[in-house]
Structure formats: C-alpha cells, structure tokens
C-alpha atoms as a PDB file:
ATOM      1  CA  MET A   1       4.550  -2.706 -11.348  1.00  0.00           C
ATOM      2  CA  LEU A   2       5.870  -4.058  -8.081  1.00  0.00           C
ATOM      3  CA  ALA A   3       8.774  -6.484  -8.221  1.00  0.00           C
ATOM      4  CA  GLU A   4       9.547  -9.368  -5.888  1.00  0.00           C
ATOM      5  CA  TRP A   5      11.825  -8.551  -2.965  1.00  0.00           C
ATOM      6  CA  SER A   6      14.628 -10.765  -1.767  1.00  0.00           C
ATOM      7  CA  PHE A   7      14.819 -11.185   2.006  1.00  0.00           C
ATOM      8  CA  MET A   8      17.668 -13.387   3.239  1.00  0.00           C
ATOM      9  CA  GLY A   9      17.523 -15.418   0.042  1.00  0.00           C
ATOM     10  CA  PHE A  10      13.742 -15.809   0.043  1.00  0.00           C
ATOM     11  CA  LEU A  11      11.608 -14.115  -2.573  1.00  0.00           C
ATOM     12  CA  MET A  12       8.761 -12.182  -0.970  1.00  0.00           C
ATOM     13  CA  PRO A  13       5.597 -11.278  -2.859  1.00  0.00           C
ATOM     14  CA  PRO A  14       5.226  -7.593  -3.663  1.00  0.00           C
ATOM     15  CA  LEU A  15       2.214  -7.198  -1.365  1.00  0.00           C
ATOM     16  CA  ALA A  16       3.937  -8.616   1.729  1.00  0.00           C
ATOM     17  CA  VAL A  17       5.372  -5.345   3.049  1.00  0.00           C
ATOM     18  CA  PRO A  18       2.291  -3.147   2.449  1.00  0.00           C
ATOM     19  CA  VAL A  19       0.015  -5.796   3.981  1.00  0.00           C
ATOM     20  CA  LEU A  20       2.187  -6.060   7.089  1.00  0.00           C
ATOM     21  CA  LEU A  21       2.475  -2.282   7.373  1.00  0.00           C
ATOM     22  CA  ALA A  22      -1.306  -1.870   7.102  1.00  0.00           C
ATOM     23  CA  LEU A  23      -1.755  -4.657   9.654  1.00  0.00           C
ATOM     24  CA  GLY A  24       0.500  -2.883  12.130  1.00  0.00           C
ATOM     25  CA  VAL A  25      -1.391   0.398  11.782  1.00  0.00           C
ATOM     26  CA  TYR A  26      -4.706  -1.470  12.015  1.00  0.00           C
ATOM     27  CA  LEU A  27      -3.686  -3.197  15.256  1.00  0.00           C
ATOM     28  CA  LEU A  28      -2.629   0.133  16.734  1.00  0.00           C
ATOM     29  CA  LEU A  29      -5.944   1.768  15.790  1.00  0.00           C
ATOM     30  CA  ARG A  30      -7.902  -1.231  17.063  1.00  0.00           C
ATOM     31  CA  ARG A  31      -6.133  -0.995  20.416  1.00  0.00           C
ATOM     32  CA  LEU A  32      -7.046   2.696  20.606  1.00  0.00           C
ATOM     33  CA  PHE A  33     -10.683   1.939  19.736  1.00  0.00           C
ATOM     34  CA  VAL A  34     -10.870  -0.662  22.502  1.00  0.00           C
ATOM     35  CA  ARG A  35      -9.089   1.537  25.044  1.00  0.00           C
ATOM     36  CA  PHE A  36     -11.370   4.530  24.492  1.00  0.00           C
ATOM     37  CA  GLY A  37     -14.559   2.467  24.102  1.00  0.00           C
ATOM     38  CA  LEU A  38     -15.278   3.592  20.552  1.00  0.00           C
ATOM     39  CA  TYR A  39     -16.621   0.182  19.497  1.00  0.00           C
ATOM     40  CA  HIS A  40     -19.683   0.977  21.597  1.00  0.00           C
ATOM     41  CA  TRP A  41     -20.802   3.469  18.949  1.00  0.00           C
ATOM     42  CA  PHE A  42     -20.801   1.008  16.033  1.00  0.00           C
ATOM     43  CA  TRP A  43     -23.558  -1.418  15.155  1.00  0.00           C
ATOM     44  CA  GLN A  44     -21.223  -4.124  13.813  1.00  0.00           C
ATOM     45  CA  PRO A  45     -17.645  -3.783  15.105  1.00  0.00           C
ATOM     46  CA  VAL A  46     -16.454  -6.598  12.820  1.00  0.00           C
ATOM     47  CA  LEU A  47     -17.607  -4.692   9.743  1.00  0.00           C
ATOM     48  CA  LEU A  48     -15.772  -1.646  11.056  1.00  0.00           C
ATOM     49  CA  ASP A  49     -12.614  -3.736  11.443  1.00  0.00           C
ATOM     50  CA  ILE A  50     -12.852  -5.046   7.875  1.00  0.00           C
ATOM     51  CA  ALA A  51     -13.544  -1.611   6.403  1.00  0.00           C
ATOM     52  CA  LEU A  52     -10.781  -0.002   8.458  1.00  0.00           C
ATOM     53  CA  TYR A  53      -8.225  -2.574   7.314  1.00  0.00           C
ATOM     54  CA  ALA A  54      -9.326  -2.268   3.684  1.00  0.00           C
ATOM     55  CA  LEU A  55      -8.962   1.517   3.813  1.00  0.00           C
ATOM     56  CA  LEU A  56      -5.580   1.277   5.504  1.00  0.00           C
ATOM     57  CA  LEU A  57      -4.315  -1.222   2.932  1.00  0.00           C
ATOM     58  CA  TRP A  58      -5.573   0.964   0.085  1.00  0.00           C
ATOM     59  CA  SER A  59      -3.878   4.026   1.550  1.00  0.00           C
ATOM     60  CA  VAL A  60      -0.570   2.194   2.079  1.00  0.00           C
ATOM     61  CA  LEU A  61      -0.669   0.898  -1.494  1.00  0.00           C
ATOM     62  CA  ALA A  62      -1.460   4.409  -2.751  1.00  0.00           C
ATOM     63  CA  LEU A  63       1.484   5.811  -0.791  1.00  0.00           C
ATOM     64  CA  PHE A  64       3.796   3.125  -2.203  1.00  0.00           C
ATOM     65  CA  GLY A  65       2.682   4.124  -5.700  1.00  0.00           C
ATOM     66  CA  ALA A  66       1.236   0.709  -6.472  1.00  0.00           C
ATOM     67  CA  LEU A  67      -2.205   2.009  -7.456  1.00  0.00           C
ATOM     68  CA  PRO A  68      -2.933   3.877 -10.663  1.00  0.00           C
ATOM     69  CA  ILE A  69      -4.685   6.918  -9.196  1.00  0.00           C
ATOM     70  CA  ALA A  70      -5.900   9.462 -11.722  1.00  0.00           C
ATOM     71  CA  GLY A  71      -5.120  12.945 -10.549  1.00  0.00           C
END
C-alpha cells in the first residue's frame, strides 16, 4: 500500500509522483513521434496517445511495486 508523502508540509497523494513521472516520459516519447513523423502511420493519433500514457503509467506503477503482479 502506498502512503501519503509530505512535500514542504503538504501531503501529496500516493499517485502524484508516478503520474508525473509517466507524464514526463510520455511527453518525451510524443516529441520523438512528432519529430520523426511516426504519427503518420497511425489511424487515430489521439488513441495512440491515450494508450501510450496508460501503458507508461502502468509500467511506472509496476516498477514502484504498487501493483500486485502475479509472477
């Protein structure tokens, strides 16, 4: 179970750091996709963006140990 984090006296929700980390990686990948013209190959770029962010958030949460992954 994730606990709340204290940042300069403010309590931050447990998902704040993983969400921001996934957002940073997503923005980097999105910039690369735009730079190399990879969005041209996808039918719905917005759906790609949503799926990419969801996968990145899931992977960050898995790396933090916040997901019960059977192994």
